[in-house]
Full PDB file with SEQRES, HELIX, SHEET, SSBOND, CRYST1, ORIGX, SCALE, CONECT and MASTER records, all heavy atoms in Angstrom:
SEQRES   1 A   29  SER GLU ASP GLU PRO PRO ASP ASP GLY GLY GLY ASP ASP          
SEQRES   2 A   29  GLY GLY GLY GLY ASP ASP GLY THR GLY GLY GLY ASP GLU          
SEQRES   3 A   29  ALA GLU ASP                                                  
CRYST1    1.000    1.000    1.000  90.00  90.00  90.00 P 1           1          
ORIGX1      1.000000  0.000000  0.000000        0.00000                         
ORIGX2      0.000000  1.000000  0.000000        0.00000                         
ORIGX3      0.000000  0.000000  1.000000        0.00000                         
SCALE1      1.000000  0.000000  0.000000        0.00000                         
SCALE2      0.000000  1.000000  0.000000        0.00000                         
SCALE3      0.000000  0.000000  1.000000        0.00000                         
ATOM      1  N   SER A   1      -2.116   8.065 -16.230  1.00  0.00           N  
ATOM      2  CA  SER A   1      -2.617   8.247 -14.874  1.00  0.00           C  
ATOM      3  C   SER A   1      -1.808   9.303 -14.164  1.00  0.00           C  
ATOM      4  O   SER A   1      -0.646   9.545 -14.477  1.00  0.00           O  
ATOM      5  CB  SER A   1      -2.543   6.921 -14.102  1.00  0.00           C  
ATOM      6  OG  SER A   1      -1.216   6.459 -14.080  1.00  0.00           O  
ATOM      7  N   GLU A   2      -2.425   9.924 -13.202  1.00  0.00           N  
ATOM      8  CA  GLU A   2      -1.746  10.968 -12.449  1.00  0.00           C  
ATOM      9  C   GLU A   2      -0.766  10.359 -11.451  1.00  0.00           C  
ATOM     10  O   GLU A   2      -0.969   9.273 -10.941  1.00  0.00           O  
ATOM     11  CB  GLU A   2      -2.766  11.823 -11.696  1.00  0.00           C  
ATOM     12  CG  GLU A   2      -3.666  12.630 -12.621  1.00  0.00           C  
ATOM     13  CD  GLU A   2      -4.591  13.506 -11.819  1.00  0.00           C  
ATOM     14  OE1 GLU A   2      -5.409  12.944 -11.083  1.00  0.00           O  
ATOM     15  OE2 GLU A   2      -4.497  14.728 -11.919  1.00  0.00           O  
ATOM     16  N   ASP A   3       0.287  11.059 -11.181  1.00  0.00           N  
ATOM     17  CA  ASP A   3       1.259  10.629 -10.187  1.00  0.00           C  
ATOM     18  C   ASP A   3       1.123  11.540  -8.982  1.00  0.00           C  
ATOM     19  O   ASP A   3       1.895  12.450  -8.770  1.00  0.00           O  
ATOM     20  CB  ASP A   3       2.669  10.705 -10.782  1.00  0.00           C  
ATOM     21  CG  ASP A   3       3.709  10.145  -9.827  1.00  0.00           C  
ATOM     22  OD1 ASP A   3       3.311   9.430  -8.878  1.00  0.00           O  
ATOM     23  OD2 ASP A   3       4.887  10.426 -10.036  1.00  0.00           O  
ATOM     24  N   GLU A   4       0.063  11.285  -8.212  1.00  0.00           N  
ATOM     25  CA  GLU A   4      -0.203  12.130  -7.067  1.00  0.00           C  
ATOM     26  C   GLU A   4      -0.088  11.317  -5.795  1.00  0.00           C  
ATOM     27  O   GLU A   4      -0.121  10.088  -5.835  1.00  0.00           O  
ATOM     28  CB  GLU A   4      -1.613  12.727  -7.176  1.00  0.00           C  
ATOM     29  CG  GLU A   4      -2.714  11.676  -7.180  1.00  0.00           C  
ATOM     30  CD  GLU A   4      -4.085  12.291  -7.409  1.00  0.00           C  
ATOM     31  OE1 GLU A   4      -4.198  13.248  -8.183  1.00  0.00           O  
ATOM     32  OE2 GLU A   4      -5.044  11.787  -6.791  1.00  0.00           O  
ATOM     33  N   PRO A   5       0.078  11.958  -4.657  1.00  0.00           N  
ATOM     34  CA  PRO A   5       0.222  11.202  -3.412  1.00  0.00           C  
ATOM     35  C   PRO A   5      -1.004  10.336  -3.160  1.00  0.00           C  
ATOM     36  O   PRO A   5      -2.122  10.678  -3.535  1.00  0.00           O  
ATOM     37  CB  PRO A   5       0.365  12.296  -2.350  1.00  0.00           C  
ATOM     38  CG  PRO A   5       0.816  13.491  -3.106  1.00  0.00           C  
ATOM     39  CD  PRO A   5       0.186  13.394  -4.464  1.00  0.00           C  
ATOM     40  N   PRO A   6      -0.801   9.167  -2.546  1.00  0.00           N  
ATOM     41  CA  PRO A   6      -1.946   8.294  -2.261  1.00  0.00           C  
ATOM     42  C   PRO A   6      -2.903   8.930  -1.284  1.00  0.00           C  
ATOM     43  O   PRO A   6      -2.517   9.706  -0.419  1.00  0.00           O  
ATOM     44  CB  PRO A   6      -1.293   7.041  -1.666  1.00  0.00           C  
ATOM     45  CG  PRO A   6      -0.001   7.529  -1.100  1.00  0.00           C  
ATOM     46  CD  PRO A   6       0.450   8.631  -2.008  1.00  0.00           C  
ATOM     47  N   ASP A   7      -4.173   8.523  -1.449  1.00  0.00           N  
ATOM     48  CA  ASP A   7      -5.209   9.004  -0.531  1.00  0.00           C  
ATOM     49  C   ASP A   7      -5.279   8.037   0.634  1.00  0.00           C  
ATOM     50  O   ASP A   7      -5.903   6.990   0.558  1.00  0.00           O  
ATOM     51  CB  ASP A   7      -6.547   9.056  -1.287  1.00  0.00           C  
ATOM     52  CG  ASP A   7      -7.704   9.423  -0.371  1.00  0.00           C  
ATOM     53  OD1 ASP A   7      -7.438   9.890   0.758  1.00  0.00           O  
ATOM     54  OD2 ASP A   7      -8.844   9.238  -0.797  1.00  0.00           O  
ATOM     55  N   ASP A   8      -4.584   8.373   1.720  1.00  0.00           N  
ATOM     56  CA  ASP A   8      -4.579   7.427   2.838  1.00  0.00           C  
ATOM     57  C   ASP A   8      -5.799   7.601   3.726  1.00  0.00           C  
ATOM     58  O   ASP A   8      -6.081   6.759   4.563  1.00  0.00           O  
ATOM     59  CB  ASP A   8      -3.296   7.582   3.663  1.00  0.00           C  
ATOM     60  CG  ASP A   8      -3.186   8.927   4.342  1.00  0.00           C  
ATOM     61  OD1 ASP A   8      -3.964   9.841   4.007  1.00  0.00           O  
ATOM     62  OD2 ASP A   8      -2.324   9.052   5.215  1.00  0.00           O  
ATOM     63  N   GLY A   9      -6.505   8.700   3.583  1.00  0.00           N  
ATOM     64  CA  GLY A   9      -7.760   8.866   4.289  1.00  0.00           C  
ATOM     65  C   GLY A   9      -7.634   8.986   5.778  1.00  0.00           C  
ATOM     66  O   GLY A   9      -8.620   8.950   6.487  1.00  0.00           O  
ATOM     67  N   GLY A  10      -6.427   9.126   6.284  1.00  0.00           N  
ATOM     68  CA  GLY A  10      -6.294   9.292   7.733  1.00  0.00           C  
ATOM     69  C   GLY A  10      -6.438   7.986   8.462  1.00  0.00           C  
ATOM     70  O   GLY A  10      -6.093   6.937   7.979  1.00  0.00           O  
ATOM     71  N   GLY A  11      -6.984   8.025   9.638  1.00  0.00           N  
ATOM     72  CA  GLY A  11      -7.090   6.854  10.506  1.00  0.00           C  
ATOM     73  C   GLY A  11      -6.611   7.231  11.883  1.00  0.00           C  
ATOM     74  O   GLY A  11      -5.654   7.978  12.038  1.00  0.00           O  
ATOM     75  N   ASP A  12      -7.272   6.722  12.913  1.00  0.00           N  
ATOM     76  CA  ASP A  12      -6.960   7.200  14.252  1.00  0.00           C  
ATOM     77  C   ASP A  12      -6.187   6.215  15.102  1.00  0.00           C  
ATOM     78  O   ASP A  12      -5.897   6.504  16.248  1.00  0.00           O  
ATOM     79  CB  ASP A  12      -8.267   7.575  14.978  1.00  0.00           C  
ATOM     80  CG  ASP A  12      -9.241   6.421  15.064  1.00  0.00           C  
ATOM     81  OD1 ASP A  12      -8.885   5.300  14.658  1.00  0.00           O  
ATOM     82  OD2 ASP A  12     -10.358   6.658  15.534  1.00  0.00           O  
ATOM     83  N   ASP A  13      -5.885   5.030  14.546  1.00  0.00           N  
ATOM     84  CA  ASP A  13      -5.196   4.085  15.419  1.00  0.00           C  
ATOM     85  C   ASP A  13      -3.905   3.570  14.816  1.00  0.00           C  
ATOM     86  O   ASP A  13      -3.335   2.614  15.299  1.00  0.00           O  
ATOM     87  CB  ASP A  13      -6.102   2.897  15.776  1.00  0.00           C  
ATOM     88  CG  ASP A  13      -6.544   2.119  14.555  1.00  0.00           C  
ATOM     89  OD1 ASP A  13      -6.202   2.547  13.443  1.00  0.00           O  
ATOM     90  OD2 ASP A  13      -7.209   1.094  14.724  1.00  0.00           O  
ATOM     91  N   GLY A  14      -3.421   4.231  13.792  1.00  0.00           N  
ATOM     92  CA  GLY A  14      -2.147   3.809  13.224  1.00  0.00           C  
ATOM     93  C   GLY A  14      -2.219   2.436  12.618  1.00  0.00           C  
ATOM     94  O   GLY A  14      -3.273   1.916  12.323  1.00  0.00           O  
ATOM     95  N   GLY A  15      -1.095   1.826  12.421  1.00  0.00           N  
ATOM     96  CA  GLY A  15      -1.071   0.488  11.838  1.00  0.00           C  
ATOM     97  C   GLY A  15       0.340   0.026  11.651  1.00  0.00           C  
ATOM     98  O   GLY A  15       1.291   0.754  11.857  1.00  0.00           O  
ATOM     99  N   GLY A  16       0.494  -1.196  11.254  1.00  0.00           N  
ATOM    100  CA  GLY A  16       1.807  -1.769  11.033  1.00  0.00           C  
ATOM    101  C   GLY A  16       1.739  -2.806   9.961  1.00  0.00           C  
ATOM    102  O   GLY A  16       0.695  -3.060   9.390  1.00  0.00           O  
ATOM    103  N   GLY A  17       2.821  -3.415   9.678  1.00  0.00           N  
ATOM    104  CA  GLY A  17       2.839  -4.370   8.592  1.00  0.00           C  
ATOM    105  C   GLY A  17       3.500  -5.657   8.985  1.00  0.00           C  
ATOM    106  O   GLY A  17       3.364  -6.132  10.094  1.00  0.00           O  
ATOM    107  N   ASP A  18       4.273  -6.221   8.026  1.00  0.00           N  
ATOM    108  CA  ASP A  18       4.947  -7.474   8.327  1.00  0.00           C  
ATOM    109  C   ASP A  18       6.437  -7.214   8.422  1.00  0.00           C  
ATOM    110  O   ASP A  18       6.871  -6.106   8.644  1.00  0.00           O  
ATOM    111  CB  ASP A  18       4.601  -8.552   7.276  1.00  0.00           C  
ATOM    112  CG  ASP A  18       5.135  -8.194   5.894  1.00  0.00           C  
ATOM    113  OD1 ASP A  18       5.789  -7.142   5.774  1.00  0.00           O  
ATOM    114  OD2 ASP A  18       4.904  -8.975   4.964  1.00  0.00           O  
ATOM    115  N   ASP A  19       7.234  -8.263   8.219  1.00  0.00           N  
ATOM    116  CA  ASP A  19       8.662  -8.111   8.430  1.00  0.00           C  
ATOM    117  C   ASP A  19       9.429  -7.873   7.134  1.00  0.00           C  
ATOM    118  O   ASP A  19      10.629  -8.049   7.069  1.00  0.00           O  
ATOM    119  CB  ASP A  19       9.232  -9.337   9.134  1.00  0.00           C  
ATOM    120  CG  ASP A  19       8.970 -10.602   8.343  1.00  0.00           C  
ATOM    121  OD1 ASP A  19       8.337 -10.507   7.270  1.00  0.00           O  
ATOM    122  OD2 ASP A  19       9.409 -11.669   8.794  1.00  0.00           O  
ATOM    123  N   GLY A  20       8.748  -7.490   6.083  1.00  0.00           N  
ATOM    124  CA  GLY A  20       9.432  -7.210   4.831  1.00  0.00           C  
ATOM    125  C   GLY A  20       8.542  -6.485   3.876  1.00  0.00           C  
ATOM    126  O   GLY A  20       7.421  -6.115   4.195  1.00  0.00           O  
ATOM    127  N   THR A  21       9.027  -6.277   2.668  1.00  0.00           N  
ATOM    128  CA  THR A  21       8.210  -5.601   1.665  1.00  0.00           C  
ATOM    129  C   THR A  21       7.218  -6.571   1.073  1.00  0.00           C  
ATOM    130  O   THR A  21       7.450  -7.775   1.018  1.00  0.00           O  
ATOM    131  CB  THR A  21       9.100  -5.048   0.549  1.00  0.00           C  
ATOM    132  OG1 THR A  21       9.819  -6.135  -0.039  1.00  0.00           O  
ATOM    133  CG2 THR A  21      10.078  -4.020   1.095  1.00  0.00           C  
ATOM    134  N   GLY A  22       6.098  -6.042   0.621  1.00  0.00           N  
ATOM    135  CA  GLY A  22       5.068  -6.893   0.046  1.00  0.00           C  
ATOM    136  C   GLY A  22       5.418  -7.313  -1.361  1.00  0.00           C  
ATOM    137  O   GLY A  22       5.896  -6.515  -2.161  1.00  0.00           O  
ATOM    138  N   GLY A  23       5.187  -8.582  -1.676  1.00  0.00           N  
ATOM    139  CA  GLY A  23       5.466  -9.105  -3.009  1.00  0.00           C  
ATOM    140  C   GLY A  23       4.341  -8.811  -3.966  1.00  0.00           C  
ATOM    141  O   GLY A  23       3.340  -8.185  -3.629  1.00  0.00           O  
ATOM    142  N   GLY A  24       4.482  -9.303  -5.182  1.00  0.00           N  
ATOM    143  CA  GLY A  24       3.466  -9.071  -6.202  1.00  0.00           C  
ATOM    144  C   GLY A  24       2.482 -10.202  -6.256  1.00  0.00           C  
ATOM    145  O   GLY A  24       2.523 -11.129  -5.477  1.00  0.00           O  
ATOM    146  N   ASP A  25       1.578 -10.101  -7.255  1.00  0.00           N  
ATOM    147  CA  ASP A  25       0.573 -11.144  -7.355  1.00  0.00           C  
ATOM    148  C   ASP A  25       0.502 -11.723  -8.752  1.00  0.00           C  
ATOM    149  O   ASP A  25       1.112 -12.717  -9.045  1.00  0.00           O  
ATOM    150  CB  ASP A  25      -0.782 -10.598  -6.919  1.00  0.00           C  
ATOM    151  CG  ASP A  25      -1.833 -11.673  -6.837  1.00  0.00           C  
ATOM    152  OD1 ASP A  25      -1.462 -12.831  -6.634  1.00  0.00           O  
ATOM    153  OD2 ASP A  25      -3.009 -11.350  -6.977  1.00  0.00           O  
ATOM    154  N   GLU A  26      -0.192 -11.085  -9.639  1.00  0.00           N  
ATOM    155  CA  GLU A  26      -0.588 -11.761 -10.871  1.00  0.00           C  
ATOM    156  C   GLU A  26      -0.025 -11.116 -12.130  1.00  0.00           C  
ATOM    157  O   GLU A  26      -0.727 -10.957 -13.113  1.00  0.00           O  
ATOM    158  CB  GLU A  26      -2.120 -11.782 -10.973  1.00  0.00           C  
ATOM    159  CG  GLU A  26      -2.836 -12.210  -9.717  1.00  0.00           C  
ATOM    160  CD  GLU A  26      -2.497 -13.620  -9.322  1.00  0.00           C  
ATOM    161  OE1 GLU A  26      -2.059 -14.398 -10.176  1.00  0.00           O  
ATOM    162  OE2 GLU A  26      -2.657 -13.950  -8.150  1.00  0.00           O  
ATOM    163  N   ALA A  27       1.224 -10.743 -12.168  1.00  0.00           N  
ATOM    164  CA  ALA A  27       1.740  -9.993 -13.301  1.00  0.00           C  
ATOM    165  C   ALA A  27       1.464 -10.696 -14.623  1.00  0.00           C  
ATOM    166  O   ALA A  27       0.902 -10.121 -15.537  1.00  0.00           O  
ATOM    167  CB  ALA A  27       3.243  -9.781 -13.135  1.00  0.00           C  
ATOM    168  N   GLU A  28       1.839 -11.978 -14.735  1.00  0.00           N  
ATOM    169  CA  GLU A  28       1.707 -12.632 -16.023  1.00  0.00           C  
ATOM    170  C   GLU A  28       0.273 -13.041 -16.302  1.00  0.00           C  
ATOM    171  O   GLU A  28      -0.050 -13.449 -17.407  1.00  0.00           O  
ATOM    172  CB  GLU A  28       2.617 -13.861 -16.075  1.00  0.00           C  
ATOM    173  CG  GLU A  28       2.251 -14.950 -15.096  1.00  0.00           C  
ATOM    174  CD  GLU A  28       3.193 -16.128 -15.201  1.00  0.00           C  
ATOM    175  OE1 GLU A  28       2.892 -17.025 -15.996  1.00  0.00           O  
ATOM    176  OE2 GLU A  28       4.218 -16.142 -14.516  1.00  0.00           O  
ATOM    177  N   ASP A  29      -0.603 -12.961 -15.288  1.00  0.00           N  
ATOM    178  CA  ASP A  29      -1.992 -13.359 -15.481  1.00  0.00           C  
ATOM    179  C   ASP A  29      -2.879 -12.181 -15.798  1.00  0.00           C  
ATOM    180  O   ASP A  29      -4.000 -12.357 -16.260  1.00  0.00           O  
ATOM    181  CB  ASP A  29      -2.512 -14.052 -14.214  1.00  0.00           C  
ATOM    182  CG  ASP A  29      -1.665 -15.252 -13.879  1.00  0.00           C  
ATOM    183  OD1 ASP A  29      -1.291 -15.985 -14.789  1.00  0.00           O  
ATOM    184  OD2 ASP A  29      -1.360 -15.417 -12.690  1.00  0.00           O  
TER     185      ASP A  29                                                      
MASTER        0    0    0    0    0    0    0    6  184    1    0    3          
END                                                                             
């Protein structure tokens, strides 16, 4: 796969997240 910058597609109202980094989900599944 290519290692290119993500396509964030812009957006006009910004955004935010939570109070930490996001964890994973289903690695072993």
